[in-house]
Amino acid sequence: MGKQPVRMRAVVYALSPFQQKIMSGLWKDLPGKITHKVSENWISVTLLLTPLVGTYTYVQNYQEKEKLEHRY
């Protein structure tokens, strides 16, 4: 009444050359995934975007002042 050895079969995975949908799940519902990530992490997104937008606005304002200063 000992244990009987069982032969294991190997599983072979193959891709059909006619249907290769490897990365289809990556692009499926992409806007929904992005919206979900942003709604989950809205504090981090805010803390990331606020300095970037502020710096960009400051630089644009500074360049406009410089341009108007050298006008005459």
Protein backbone atom coordinates (compact mmCIF):
# COMPACT_ATOMS: atom_id res chain seq x y z
CA MET A 1 0.00 0.00 0.00
CA GLY A 2 2.79 2.39 -0.78
CA LYS A 3 2.61 5.36 -3.07
CA GLN A 4 2.59 4.61 -6.77
CA PRO A 5 4.77 6.85 -8.97
CA VAL A 6 2.71 8.90 -11.44
CA ARG A 7 4.17 10.06 -14.72
CA MET A 8 3.75 13.79 -15.24
CA ARG A 9 3.19 15.13 -18.72
CA ALA A 10 4.78 18.31 -19.91
CA VAL A 11 2.50 21.16 -20.95
CA VAL A 12 3.55 22.78 -24.19
CA TYR A 13 2.38 26.30 -24.89
CA ALA A 14 2.43 27.57 -28.46
CA LEU A 15 1.14 30.62 -30.29
CA SER A 16 -0.76 30.31 -33.49
CA PRO A 17 0.92 32.27 -36.30
CA PHE A 18 -2.53 33.44 -37.41
CA GLN A 19 -3.85 34.74 -34.08
CA GLN A 20 -1.34 36.41 -31.84
CA LYS A 21 -3.18 38.51 -29.31
CA ILE A 22 -0.45 38.72 -26.72
CA MET A 23 -0.78 42.39 -25.79
CA SER A 24 -4.45 42.96 -26.57
CA GLY A 25 -5.28 43.21 -22.87
CA LEU A 26 -2.83 46.09 -22.48
CA TRP A 27 -4.71 48.38 -24.88
CA LYS A 28 -8.20 47.19 -23.97
CA ASP A 29 -10.12 49.86 -22.02
CA LEU A 30 -7.04 52.09 -21.72
CA PRO A 31 -8.96 55.32 -20.85
CA GLY A 32 -10.87 53.44 -18.16
CA LYS A 33 -7.66 52.10 -16.66
CA ILE A 34 -6.06 55.56 -16.65
CA THR A 35 -9.17 57.08 -15.05
CA HIS A 36 -9.14 54.35 -12.39
CA LYS A 37 -5.46 54.92 -11.59
CA VAL A 38 -5.93 58.70 -11.35
CA SER A 39 -9.02 58.40 -9.16
CA GLU A 40 -7.13 56.02 -6.85
CA ASN A 41 -4.05 58.26 -6.64
CA TRP A 42 -5.48 61.76 -7.07
CA ILE A 43 -3.39 63.21 -4.22
CA SER A 44 -0.16 62.00 -5.78
CA VAL A 45 -1.26 63.26 -9.20
CA THR A 46 -2.07 66.67 -7.73
CA LEU A 47 1.26 66.87 -5.93
CA LEU A 48 3.04 65.96 -9.16
CA LEU A 49 1.19 68.25 -11.54
CA THR A 50 0.91 71.38 -9.37
CA PRO A 51 4.66 72.19 -9.33
CA LEU A 52 4.97 71.36 -13.03
CA VAL A 53 2.07 73.61 -14.05
CA GLY A 54 3.24 76.36 -11.68
CA THR A 55 6.79 76.28 -13.06
CA TYR A 56 5.55 76.31 -16.66
CA THR A 57 3.24 79.27 -15.96
CA TYR A 58 6.04 81.17 -14.21
CA VAL A 59 8.46 80.60 -17.10
CA GLN A 60 5.90 81.71 -19.68
CA ASN A 61 5.14 84.85 -17.68
CA TYR A 62 8.85 85.61 -17.21
CA GLN A 63 9.60 85.18 -20.92
CA GLU A 64 6.70 87.46 -21.83
CA LYS A 65 7.97 90.14 -19.43
CA GLU A 66 11.48 89.86 -20.89
CA LYS A 67 10.11 90.16 -24.40
CA LEU A 68 8.10 93.27 -23.52
CA GLU A 69 11.05 94.79 -21.62
CA HIS A 70 13.33 94.64 -24.67
CA ARG A 71 10.68 96.00 -26.96
CA TYR A 72 12.06 99.56 -27.19
